[in-house]
Amino acid sequence: MPVVVATVKTKPGRRADVLAAFRRHTPAVHAEPGCLLYAVHSGEDRVTVIENWADQASLDAHSAGPALEAIGAESAEALAAPVDVAVLQPVPAGEPGKDRLPQT
């Protein structure tokens, strides 16, 4: 099950604009088939999304879907850099159950 970590660096004073776009469109992402987790987090100059998808096909559909397209279009002018997207797989290490997201 793919895990995605997407980091959006925002221009000074524009983080609220990016968060507003995520707030508007995250319910549609949550309704997409295969979405196990789509959790938005923010820091001083960035918005980071932690995602977990049931399978690669679900992630591929999300990546080409209208909700992600809308978030990108509404956020484009507020970005300080291109979005950094990492698609990851869990690596078992340490205590079972604490070594991965609950859905993976």
PDB file of N, CA and C in Angstrom:
ATOM      1  N   MET A   1       0.842  -1.174   0.000  1.00  0.00           N
ATOM      2  CA  MET A   1       0.000   0.000   0.000  1.00  0.00           C
ATOM      3  C   MET A   1       0.885   1.235   0.000  1.00  0.00           C
ATOM      4  N   PRO A   2       0.817   2.038  -1.042  1.00  0.00           N
ATOM      5  CA  PRO A   2       1.696   3.193  -1.123  1.00  0.00           C
ATOM      6  C   PRO A   2       1.368   4.246  -0.063  1.00  0.00           C
ATOM      7  N   VAL A   3       2.433   4.799   0.480  1.00  0.00           N
ATOM      8  CA  VAL A   3       2.355   5.940   1.384  1.00  0.00           C
ATOM      9  C   VAL A   3       2.980   7.109   0.637  1.00  0.00           C
ATOM     10  N   VAL A   4       2.325   8.253   0.679  1.00  0.00           N
ATOM     11  CA  VAL A   4       2.834   9.433  -0.005  1.00  0.00           C
ATOM     12  C   VAL A   4       3.065  10.523   1.034  1.00  0.00           C
ATOM     13  N   VAL A   5       4.202  11.184   0.910  1.00  0.00           N
ATOM     14  CA  VAL A   5       4.484  12.377   1.695  1.00  0.00           C
ATOM     15  C   VAL A   5       4.706  13.496   0.685  1.00  0.00           C
ATOM     16  N   ALA A   6       3.798  14.455   0.681  1.00  0.00           N
ATOM     17  CA  ALA A   6       3.886  15.581  -0.246  1.00  0.00           C
ATOM     18  C   ALA A   6       4.102  16.858   0.563  1.00  0.00           C
ATOM     19  N   THR A   7       5.168  17.587   0.231  1.00  0.00           N
ATOM     20  CA  THR A   7       5.479  18.820   0.944  1.00  0.00           C
ATOM     21  C   THR A   7       5.359  19.998  -0.010  1.00  0.00           C
ATOM     22  N   VAL A   8       4.550  20.967   0.408  1.00  0.00           N
ATOM     23  CA  VAL A   8       4.281  22.168  -0.370  1.00  0.00           C
ATOM     24  C   VAL A   8       4.917  23.339   0.376  1.00  0.00           C
ATOM     25  N   LYS A   9       5.982  23.923  -0.182  1.00  0.00           N
ATOM     26  CA  LYS A   9       6.588  25.104   0.437  1.00  0.00           C
ATOM     27  C   LYS A   9       5.831  26.330  -0.053  1.00  0.00           C
ATOM     28  N   THR A  10       5.426  27.164   0.885  1.00  0.00           N
ATOM     29  CA  THR A  10       4.597  28.317   0.548  1.00  0.00           C
ATOM     30  C   THR A  10       5.392  29.619   0.590  1.00  0.00           C
ATOM     31  N   LYS A  11       4.952  30.568  -0.220  1.00  0.00           N
ATOM     32  CA  LYS A  11       5.529  31.910  -0.186  1.00  0.00           C
ATOM     33  C   LYS A  11       5.151  32.565   1.143  1.00  0.00           C
ATOM     34  N   PRO A  12       5.950  33.512   1.603  1.00  0.00           N
ATOM     35  CA  PRO A  12       5.607  34.213   2.846  1.00  0.00           C
ATOM     36  C   PRO A  12       4.186  34.784   2.778  1.00  0.00           C
ATOM     37  N   GLY A  13       3.422  34.529   3.822  1.00  0.00           N
ATOM     38  CA  GLY A  13       2.061  35.042   3.916  1.00  0.00           C
ATOM     39  C   GLY A  13       1.028  34.301   3.095  1.00  0.00           C
ATOM     40  N   ARG A  14       1.384  33.221   2.444  1.00  0.00           N
ATOM     41  CA  ARG A  14       0.448  32.517   1.551  1.00  0.00           C
ATOM     42  C   ARG A  14       0.026  31.142   2.049  1.00  0.00           C
ATOM     43  N   ARG A  15       0.528  30.711   3.194  1.00  0.00           N
ATOM     44  CA  ARG A  15       0.180  29.382   3.701  1.00  0.00           C
ATOM     45  C   ARG A  15      -1.333  29.232   3.879  1.00  0.00           C
ATOM     46  N   ALA A  16      -1.994  30.266   4.372  1.00  0.00           N
ATOM     47  CA  ALA A  16      -3.448  30.199   4.591  1.00  0.00           C
ATOM     48  C   ALA A  16      -4.195  29.953   3.285  1.00  0.00           C
ATOM     49  N   ASP A  17      -3.706  30.502   2.178  1.00  0.00           N
ATOM     50  CA  ASP A  17      -4.348  30.282   0.877  1.00  0.00           C
ATOM     51  C   ASP A  17      -4.264  28.812   0.470  1.00  0.00           C
ATOM     52  N   VAL A  18      -3.092  28.221   0.690  1.00  0.00           N
ATOM     53  CA  VAL A  18      -2.897  26.811   0.344  1.00  0.00           C
ATOM     54  C   VAL A  18      -3.765  25.931   1.241  1.00  0.00           C
ATOM     55  N   LEU A  19      -3.787  26.236   2.535  1.00  0.00           N
ATOM     56  CA  LEU A  19      -4.624  25.451   3.454  1.00  0.00           C
ATOM     57  C   LEU A  19      -6.097  25.552   3.080  1.00  0.00           C
ATOM     58  N   ALA A  20      -6.531  26.716   2.641  1.00  0.00           N
ATOM     59  CA  ALA A  20      -7.935  26.883   2.237  1.00  0.00           C
ATOM     60  C   ALA A  20      -8.270  25.961   1.058  1.00  0.00           C
ATOM     61  N   ALA A  21      -7.353  25.837   0.109  1.00  0.00           N
ATOM     62  CA  ALA A  21      -7.580  24.946  -1.033  1.00  0.00           C
ATOM     63  C   ALA A  21      -7.681  23.497  -0.562  1.00  0.00           C
ATOM     64  N   PHE A  22      -6.792  23.099   0.346  1.00  0.00           N
ATOM     65  CA  PHE A  22      -6.875  21.734   0.873  1.00  0.00           C
ATOM     66  C   PHE A  22      -8.185  21.517   1.635  1.00  0.00           C
ATOM     67  N   ARG A  23      -8.600  22.496   2.413  1.00  0.00           N
ATOM     68  CA  ARG A  23      -9.860  22.341   3.167  1.00  0.00           C
ATOM     69  C   ARG A  23     -11.048  22.175   2.229  1.00  0.00           C
ATOM     70  N   ARG A  24     -11.045  22.906   1.123  1.00  0.00           N
ATOM     71  CA  ARG A  24     -12.157  22.818   0.169  1.00  0.00           C
ATOM     72  C   ARG A  24     -12.222  21.457  -0.510  1.00  0.00           C
ATOM     73  N   HIS A  25     -11.070  20.874  -0.831  1.00  0.00           N
ATOM     74  CA  HIS A  25     -11.058  19.690  -1.693  1.00  0.00           C
ATOM     75  C   HIS A  25     -10.733  18.371  -0.991  1.00  0.00           C
ATOM     76  N   THR A  26     -10.282  18.411   0.246  1.00  0.00           N
ATOM     77  CA  THR A  26      -9.972  17.167   0.950  1.00  0.00           C
ATOM     78  C   THR A  26     -11.189  16.255   1.110  1.00  0.00           C
ATOM     79  N   PRO A  27     -12.396  16.768   1.359  1.00  0.00           N
ATOM     80  CA  PRO A  27     -13.539  15.834   1.425  1.00  0.00           C
ATOM     81  C   PRO A  27     -13.712  15.013   0.142  1.00  0.00           C
ATOM     82  N   ALA A  28     -13.436  15.603  -1.004  1.00  0.00           N
ATOM     83  CA  ALA A  28     -13.541  14.853  -2.263  1.00  0.00           C
ATOM     84  C   ALA A  28     -12.444  13.794  -2.354  1.00  0.00           C
ATOM     85  N   VAL A  29     -11.252  14.117  -1.866  1.00  0.00           N
ATOM     86  CA  VAL A  29     -10.169  13.118  -1.854  1.00  0.00           C
ATOM     87  C   VAL A  29     -10.547  11.962  -0.943  1.00  0.00           C
ATOM     88  N   HIS A  30     -11.082  12.280   0.237  1.00  0.00           N
ATOM     89  CA  HIS A  30     -11.477  11.220   1.177  1.00  0.00           C
ATOM     90  C   HIS A  30     -12.514  10.282   0.566  1.00  0.00           C
ATOM     91  N   ALA A  31     -13.317  10.773  -0.356  1.00  0.00           N
ATOM     92  CA  ALA A  31     -14.350   9.958  -0.995  1.00  0.00           C
ATOM     93  C   ALA A  31     -13.811   9.131  -2.169  1.00  0.00           C
ATOM     94  N   GLU A  32     -12.568   9.369  -2.576  1.00  0.00           N
ATOM     95  CA  GLU A  32     -12.003   8.616  -3.697  1.00  0.00           C
ATOM     96  C   GLU A  32     -11.799   7.147  -3.308  1.00  0.00           C
ATOM     97  N   PRO A  33     -12.069   6.233  -4.228  1.00  0.00           N
ATOM     98  CA  PRO A  33     -11.828   4.817  -3.943  1.00  0.00           C
ATOM     99  C   PRO A  33     -10.362   4.563  -3.585  1.00  0.00           C
ATOM    100  N   GLY A  34     -10.143   3.815  -2.522  1.00  0.00           N
ATOM    101  CA  GLY A  34      -8.797   3.443  -2.128  1.00  0.00           C
ATOM    102  C   GLY A  34      -8.094   4.418  -1.212  1.00  0.00           C
ATOM    103  N   CYS A  35      -8.737   5.534  -0.873  1.00  0.00           N
ATOM    104  CA  CYS A  35      -8.118   6.498   0.045  1.00  0.00           C
ATOM    105  C   CYS A  35      -8.259   5.969   1.469  1.00  0.00           C
ATOM    106  N   LEU A  36      -7.131   5.614   2.077  1.00  0.00           N
ATOM    107  CA  LEU A  36      -7.123   5.137   3.457  1.00  0.00           C
ATOM    108  C   LEU A  36      -6.769   6.258   4.425  1.00  0.00           C
ATOM    109  N   LEU A  37      -5.960   7.204   3.952  1.00  0.00           N
ATOM    110  CA  LEU A  37      -5.536   8.333   4.771  1.00  0.00           C
ATOM    111  C   LEU A  37      -5.128   9.467   3.856  1.00  0.00           C
ATOM    112  N   TYR A  38      -5.612  10.657   4.155  1.00  0.00           N
ATOM    113  CA  TYR A  38      -5.194  11.884   3.466  1.00  0.00           C
ATOM    114  C   TYR A  38      -5.252  12.952   4.533  1.00  0.00           C
ATOM    115  N   ALA A  39      -4.113  13.182   5.190  1.00  0.00           N
ATOM    116  CA  ALA A  39      -4.057  14.036   6.367  1.00  0.00           C
ATOM    117  C   ALA A  39      -3.149  15.230   6.099  1.00  0.00           C
ATOM    118  N   VAL A  40      -3.701  16.423   6.215  1.00  0.00           N
ATOM    119  CA  VAL A  40      -2.988  17.663   5.932  1.00  0.00           C
ATOM    120  C   VAL A  40      -2.411  18.216   7.231  1.00  0.00           C
ATOM    121  N   HIS A  41      -1.124  18.597   7.181  1.00  0.00           N
ATOM    122  CA  HIS A  41      -0.428  19.183   8.329  1.00  0.00           C
ATOM    123  C   HIS A  41       0.248  20.466   7.855  1.00  0.00           C
ATOM    124  N   SER A  42       0.456  21.409   8.762  1.00  0.00           N
ATOM    125  CA  SER A  42       1.137  22.630   8.333  1.00  0.00           C
ATOM    126  C   SER A  42       2.186  23.061   9.341  1.00  0.00           C
ATOM    127  N   GLY A  43       3.177  23.760   8.819  1.00  0.00           N
ATOM    128  CA  GLY A  43       4.223  24.383   9.606  1.00  0.00           C
ATOM    129  C   GLY A  43       4.344  25.824   9.162  1.00  0.00           C
ATOM    130  N   GLU A  44       5.354  26.485   9.629  1.00  0.00           N
ATOM    131  CA  GLU A  44       5.506  27.913   9.372  1.00  0.00           C
ATOM    132  C   GLU A  44       5.497  28.274   7.886  1.00  0.00           C
ATOM    133  N   ASP A  45       6.216  27.501   7.076  1.00  0.00           N
ATOM    134  CA  ASP A  45       6.349  27.846   5.664  1.00  0.00           C
ATOM    135  C   ASP A  45       5.995  26.688   4.729  1.00  0.00           C
ATOM    136  N   ARG A  46       5.199  25.755   5.240  1.00  0.00           N
ATOM    137  CA  ARG A  46       4.904  24.577   4.418  1.00  0.00           C
ATOM    138  C   ARG A  46       3.600  23.911   4.824  1.00  0.00           C
ATOM    139  N   VAL A  47       3.089  23.132   3.902  1.00  0.00           N
ATOM    140  CA  VAL A  47       1.953  22.250   4.138  1.00  0.00           C
ATOM    141  C   VAL A  47       2.423  20.867   3.713  1.00  0.00           C
ATOM    142  N   THR A  48       2.250  19.896   4.581  1.00  0.00           N
ATOM    143  CA  THR A  48       2.666  18.527   4.288  1.00  0.00           C
ATOM    144  C   THR A  48       1.447  17.612   4.377  1.00  0.00           C
ATOM    145  N   VAL A  49       1.297  16.769   3.376  1.00  0.00           N
ATOM    146  CA  VAL A  49       0.183  15.836   3.333  1.00  0.00           C
ATOM    147  C   VAL A  49       0.748  14.418   3.441  1.00  0.00           C
ATOM    148  N   ILE A  50       0.205  13.655   4.383  1.00  0.00           N
ATOM    149  CA  ILE A  50       0.551  12.251   4.542  1.00  0.00           C
ATOM    150  C   ILE A  50      -0.619  11.448   3.978  1.00  0.00           C
ATOM    151  N   GLU A  51      -0.324  10.596   3.019  1.00  0.00           N
ATOM    152  CA  GLU A  51      -1.373   9.842   2.334  1.00  0.00           C
ATOM    153  C   GLU A  51      -1.089   8.351   2.423  1.00  0.00           C
ATOM    154  N   ASN A  52      -2.142   7.572   2.441  1.00  0.00           N
ATOM    155  CA  ASN A  52      -2.023   6.119   2.369  1.00  0.00           C
ATOM    156  C   ASN A  52      -3.130   5.633   1.432  1.00  0.00           C
ATOM    157  N   TRP A  53      -2.740   4.861   0.436  1.00  0.00           N
ATOM    158  CA  TRP A  53      -3.667   4.383  -0.585  1.00  0.00           C
ATOM    159  C   TRP A  53      -3.715   2.873  -0.572  1.00  0.00           C
ATOM    160  N   ALA A  54      -4.854   2.321  -0.880  1.00  0.00           N
ATOM    161  CA  ALA A  54      -5.056   0.873  -0.860  1.00  0.00           C
ATOM    162  C   ALA A  54      -4.138   0.154  -1.836  1.00  0.00           C
ATOM    163  N   ASP A  55      -3.856   0.798  -2.965  1.00  0.00           N
ATOM    164  CA  ASP A  55      -3.015   0.179  -3.986  1.00  0.00           C
ATOM    165  C   ASP A  55      -2.534   1.252  -4.961  1.00  0.00           C
ATOM    166  N   GLN A  56      -1.639   0.866  -5.836  1.00  0.00           N
ATOM    167  CA  GLN A  56      -1.070   1.819  -6.792  1.00  0.00           C
ATOM    168  C   GLN A  56      -2.130   2.365  -7.746  1.00  0.00           C
ATOM    169  N   ALA A  57      -3.085   1.540  -8.120  1.00  0.00           N
ATOM    170  CA  ALA A  57      -4.139   2.003  -9.029  1.00  0.00           C
ATOM    171  C   ALA A  57      -4.950   3.132  -8.401  1.00  0.00           C
ATOM    172  N   SER A  58      -5.230   3.034  -7.107  1.00  0.00           N
ATOM    173  CA  SER A  58      -5.962   4.098  -6.414  1.00  0.00           C
ATOM    174  C   SER A  58      -5.142   5.380  -6.371  1.00  0.00           C
ATOM    175  N   LEU A  59      -3.855   5.249  -6.099  1.00  0.00           N
ATOM    176  CA  LEU A  59      -2.978   6.424  -6.093  1.00  0.00           C
ATOM    177  C   LEU A  59      -2.908   7.044  -7.484  1.00  0.00           C
ATOM    178  N   ASP A  60      -2.787   6.214  -8.501  1.00  0.00           N
ATOM    179  CA  ASP A  60      -2.731   6.729  -9.872  1.00  0.00           C
ATOM    180  C   ASP A  60      -4.004   7.486 -10.232  1.00  0.00           C
ATOM    181  N   ALA A  61      -5.159   6.947  -9.845  1.00  0.00           N
ATOM    182  CA  ALA A  61      -6.433   7.625 -10.122  1.00  0.00           C
ATOM    183  C   ALA A  61      -6.498   8.960  -9.388  1.00  0.00           C
ATOM    184  N   HIS A  62      -6.079   8.973  -8.127  1.00  0.00           N
ATOM    185  CA  HIS A  62      -6.050  10.221  -7.366  1.00  0.00           C
ATOM    186  C   HIS A  62      -5.132  11.244  -8.038  1.00  0.00           C
ATOM    187  N   SER A  63      -3.963  10.794  -8.466  1.00  0.00           N
ATOM    188  CA  SER A  63      -2.974  11.700  -9.063  1.00  0.00           C
ATOM    189  C   SER A  63      -3.485  12.364 -10.338  1.00  0.00           C
ATOM    190  N   ALA A  64      -4.387  11.702 -11.035  1.00  0.00           N
ATOM    191  CA  ALA A  64      -4.956  12.248 -12.270  1.00  0.00           C
ATOM    192  C   ALA A  64      -6.354  12.808 -12.063  1.00  0.00           C
ATOM    193  N   GLY A  65      -6.822  12.848 -10.816  1.00  0.00           N
ATOM    194  CA  GLY A  65      -8.210  13.206 -10.541  1.00  0.00           C
ATOM    195  C   GLY A  65      -8.480  14.693 -10.382  1.00  0.00           C
ATOM    196  N   PRO A  66      -9.750  15.040 -10.378  1.00  0.00           N
ATOM    197  CA  PRO A  66     -10.153  16.448 -10.333  1.00  0.00           C
ATOM    198  C   PRO A  66      -9.848  17.144  -8.999  1.00  0.00           C
ATOM    199  N   ALA A  67      -9.885  16.444  -7.883  1.00  0.00           N
ATOM    200  CA  ALA A  67      -9.632  17.110  -6.597  1.00  0.00           C
ATOM    201  C   ALA A  67      -8.184  17.582  -6.518  1.00  0.00           C
ATOM    202  N   LEU A  68      -7.247  16.723  -6.882  1.00  0.00           N
ATOM    203  CA  LEU A  68      -5.837  17.118  -6.850  1.00  0.00           C
ATOM    204  C   LEU A  68      -5.560  18.224  -7.866  1.00  0.00           C
ATOM    205  N   GLU A  69      -6.189  18.128  -9.017  1.00  0.00           N
ATOM    206  CA  GLU A  69      -6.038  19.179 -10.028  1.00  0.00           C
ATOM    207  C   GLU A  69      -6.539  20.516  -9.490  1.00  0.00           C
ATOM    208  N   ALA A  70      -7.659  20.516  -8.800  1.00  0.00           N
ATOM    209  CA  ALA A  70      -8.204  21.752  -8.244  1.00  0.00           C
ATOM    210  C   ALA A  70      -7.297  22.334  -7.160  1.00  0.00           C
ATOM    211  N   ILE A  71      -6.769  21.478  -6.288  1.00  0.00           N
ATOM    212  CA  ILE A  71      -5.852  21.948  -5.250  1.00  0.00           C
ATOM    213  C   ILE A  71      -4.637  22.614  -5.899  1.00  0.00           C
ATOM    214  N   GLY A  72      -4.090  21.960  -6.904  1.00  0.00           N
ATOM    215  CA  GLY A  72      -2.927  22.511  -7.593  1.00  0.00           C
ATOM    216  C   GLY A  72      -3.217  23.838  -8.261  1.00  0.00           C
ATOM    217  N   ALA A  73      -4.337  23.930  -8.944  1.00  0.00           N
ATOM    218  CA  ALA A  73      -4.687  25.167  -9.639  1.00  0.00           C
ATOM    219  C   ALA A  73      -4.911  26.315  -8.658  1.00  0.00           C
ATOM    220  N   GLU A  74      -5.563  26.032  -7.545  1.00  0.00           N
ATOM    221  CA  GLU A  74      -5.859  27.078  -6.573  1.00  0.00           C
ATOM    222  C   GLU A  74      -4.632  27.498  -5.759  1.00  0.00           C
ATOM    223  N   SER A  75      -3.632  26.641  -5.700  1.00  0.00           N
ATOM    224  CA  SER A  75      -2.448  26.902  -4.883  1.00  0.00           C
ATOM    225  C   SER A  75      -1.247  27.388  -5.676  1.00  0.00           C
ATOM    226  N   ALA A  76      -1.265  27.267  -6.969  1.00  0.00           N
ATOM    227  CA  ALA A  76      -0.071  27.473  -7.799  1.00  0.00           C
ATOM    228  C   ALA A  76       0.662  28.778  -7.504  1.00  0.00           C
ATOM    229  N   GLU A  77      -0.046  29.865  -7.420  1.00  0.00           N
ATOM    230  CA  GLU A  77       0.612  31.162  -7.232  1.00  0.00           C
ATOM    231  C   GLU A  77       1.141  31.364  -5.822  1.00  0.00           C
ATOM    232  N   ALA A  78       0.762  30.511  -4.889  1.00  0.00           N
ATOM    233  CA  ALA A  78       1.200  30.638  -3.499  1.00  0.00           C
ATOM    234  C   ALA A  78       2.424  29.788  -3.184  1.00  0.00           C
ATOM    235  N   LEU A  79       2.923  29.037  -4.167  1.00  0.00           N
ATOM    236  CA  LEU A  79       4.024  28.115  -3.919  1.00  0.00           C
ATOM    237  C   LEU A  79       5.376  28.798  -4.075  1.00  0.00           C
ATOM    238  N   ALA A  80       6.299  28.493  -3.161  1.00  0.00           N
ATOM    239  CA  ALA A  80       7.660  29.014  -3.221  1.00  0.00           C
ATOM    240  C   ALA A  80       8.580  28.086  -4.003  1.00  0.00           C
ATOM    241  N   ALA A  81       8.160  26.840  -4.222  1.00  0.00           N
ATOM    242  CA  ALA A  81       8.967  25.840  -4.919  1.00  0.00           C
ATOM    243  C   ALA A  81       8.024  24.769  -5.449  1.00  0.00           C
ATOM    244  N   PRO A  82       8.498  23.950  -6.382  1.00  0.00           N
ATOM    245  CA  PRO A  82       7.661  22.834  -6.835  1.00  0.00           C
ATOM    246  C   PRO A  82       7.317  21.908  -5.661  1.00  0.00           C
ATOM    247  N   VAL A  83       6.173  21.269  -5.751  1.00  0.00           N
ATOM    248  CA  VAL A  83       5.749  20.331  -4.706  1.00  0.00           C
ATOM    249  C   VAL A  83       6.705  19.135  -4.712  1.00  0.00           C
ATOM    250  N   ASP A  84       7.151  18.754  -3.513  1.00  0.00           N
ATOM    251  CA  ASP A  84       8.030  17.591  -3.354  1.00  0.00           C
ATOM    252  C   ASP A  84       7.154  16.404  -2.963  1.00  0.00           C
ATOM    253  N   VAL A  85       7.082  15.412  -3.843  1.00  0.00           N
ATOM    254  CA  VAL A  85       6.239  14.239  -3.608  1.00  0.00           C
ATOM    255  C   VAL A  85       7.125  13.002  -3.534  1.00  0.00           C
ATOM    256  N   ALA A  86       6.997  12.270  -2.438  1.00  0.00           N
ATOM    257  CA  ALA A  86       7.720  11.013  -2.271  1.00  0.00           C
ATOM    258  C   ALA A  86       6.704   9.899  -2.086  1.00  0.00           C
ATOM    259  N   VAL A  87       6.807   8.857  -2.911  1.00  0.00           N
ATOM    260  CA  VAL A  87       5.958   7.678  -2.785  1.00  0.00           C
ATOM    261  C   VAL A  87       6.809   6.610  -2.103  1.00  0.00           C
ATOM    262  N   LEU A  88       6.331   6.125  -0.964  1.00  0.00           N
ATOM    263  CA  LEU A  88       7.126   5.264  -0.097  1.00  0.00           C
ATOM    264  C   LEU A  88       6.404   3.963   0.220  1.00  0.00           C
ATOM    265  N   GLN A  89       7.182   2.980   0.632  1.00  0.00           N
ATOM    266  CA  GLN A  89       6.637   1.719   1.122  1.00  0.00           C
ATOM    267  C   GLN A  89       7.111   1.535   2.562  1.00  0.00           C
ATOM    268  N   PRO A  90       6.301   0.955   3.437  1.00  0.00           N
ATOM    269  CA  PRO A  90       6.716   0.749   4.821  1.00  0.00           C
ATOM    270  C   PRO A  90       7.922  -0.191   4.923  1.00  0.00           C
ATOM    271  N   VAL A  91       8.769   0.089   5.887  1.00  0.00           N
ATOM    272  CA  VAL A  91       9.932  -0.754   6.165  1.00  0.00           C
ATOM    273  C   VAL A  91       9.782  -1.263   7.593  1.00  0.00           C
ATOM    274  N   PRO A  92       9.527  -2.559   7.776  1.00  0.00           N
ATOM    275  CA  PRO A  92       9.389  -3.085   9.130  1.00  0.00           C
ATOM    276  C   PRO A  92      10.676  -2.871   9.935  1.00  0.00           C
ATOM    277  N   ALA A  93      10.516  -2.259  11.120  1.00  0.00           N
ATOM    278  CA  ALA A  93      11.670  -2.017  11.995  1.00  0.00           C
ATOM    279  C   ALA A  93      11.148  -1.717  13.393  1.00  0.00           C
ATOM    280  N   GLY A  94      11.779  -2.258  14.384  1.00  0.00           N
ATOM    281  CA  GLY A  94      11.365  -1.980  15.751  1.00  0.00           C
ATOM    282  C   GLY A  94      10.136  -2.756  16.152  1.00  0.00           C
ATOM    283  N   GLU A  95       9.349  -2.169  17.019  1.00  0.00           N
ATOM    284  CA  GLU A  95       8.180  -2.833  17.590  1.00  0.00           C
ATOM    285  C   GLU A  95       7.039  -2.915  16.581  1.00  0.00           C
ATOM    286  N   PRO A  96       6.552  -4.132  16.313  1.00  0.00           N
ATOM    287  CA  PRO A  96       5.417  -4.267  15.395  1.00  0.00           C
ATOM    288  C   PRO A  96       4.230  -3.426  15.865  1.00  0.00           C
ATOM    289  N   GLY A  97       3.593  -2.794  14.916  1.00  0.00           N
ATOM    290  CA  GLY A  97       2.459  -1.935  15.238  1.00  0.00           C
ATOM    291  C   GLY A  97       2.854  -0.480  15.418  1.00  0.00           C
ATOM    292  N   LYS A  98       4.108  -0.225  15.770  1.00  0.00           N
ATOM    293  CA  LYS A  98       4.603   1.141  15.876  1.00  0.00           C
ATOM    294  C   LYS A  98       5.530   1.482  14.714  1.00  0.00           C
ATOM    295  N   ASP A  99       5.668   0.560  13.800  1.00  0.00           N
ATOM    296  CA  ASP A  99       6.636   0.724  12.720  1.00  0.00           C
ATOM    297  C   ASP A  99       6.032   1.113  11.385  1.00  0.00           C
ATOM    298  N   ARG A 100       4.744   1.463  11.382  1.00  0.00           N
ATOM    299  CA  ARG A 100       4.089   1.858  10.130  1.00  0.00           C
ATOM    300  C   ARG A 100       2.763   2.541  10.442  1.00  0.00           C
ATOM    301  N   LEU A 101       2.207   3.205   9.447  1.00  0.00           N
ATOM    302  CA  LEU A 101       0.894   3.807   9.609  1.00  0.00           C
ATOM    303  C   LEU A 101      -0.121   2.697   9.882  1.00  0.00           C
ATOM    304  N   PRO A 102      -1.151   2.966  10.645  1.00  0.00           N
ATOM    305  CA  PRO A 102      -2.111   1.904  10.989  1.00  0.00           C
ATOM    306  C   PRO A 102      -2.750   1.226   9.795  1.00  0.00           C
ATOM    307  N   GLN A 103      -2.966   1.917   8.676  1.00  0.00           N
ATOM    308  CA  GLN A 103      -3.656   1.322   7.545  1.00  0.00           C
ATOM    309  C   GLN A 103      -2.742   0.481   6.666  1.00  0.00           C
ATOM    310  N   THR A 104      -1.416   0.586   6.832  1.00  0.00           N
ATOM    311  CA  THR A 104      -0.527  -0.126   5.908  1.00  0.00           C
ATOM    312  C   THR A 104      -0.300  -1.552   6.359  1.00  0.00           C
TER     313      THR A 104
END
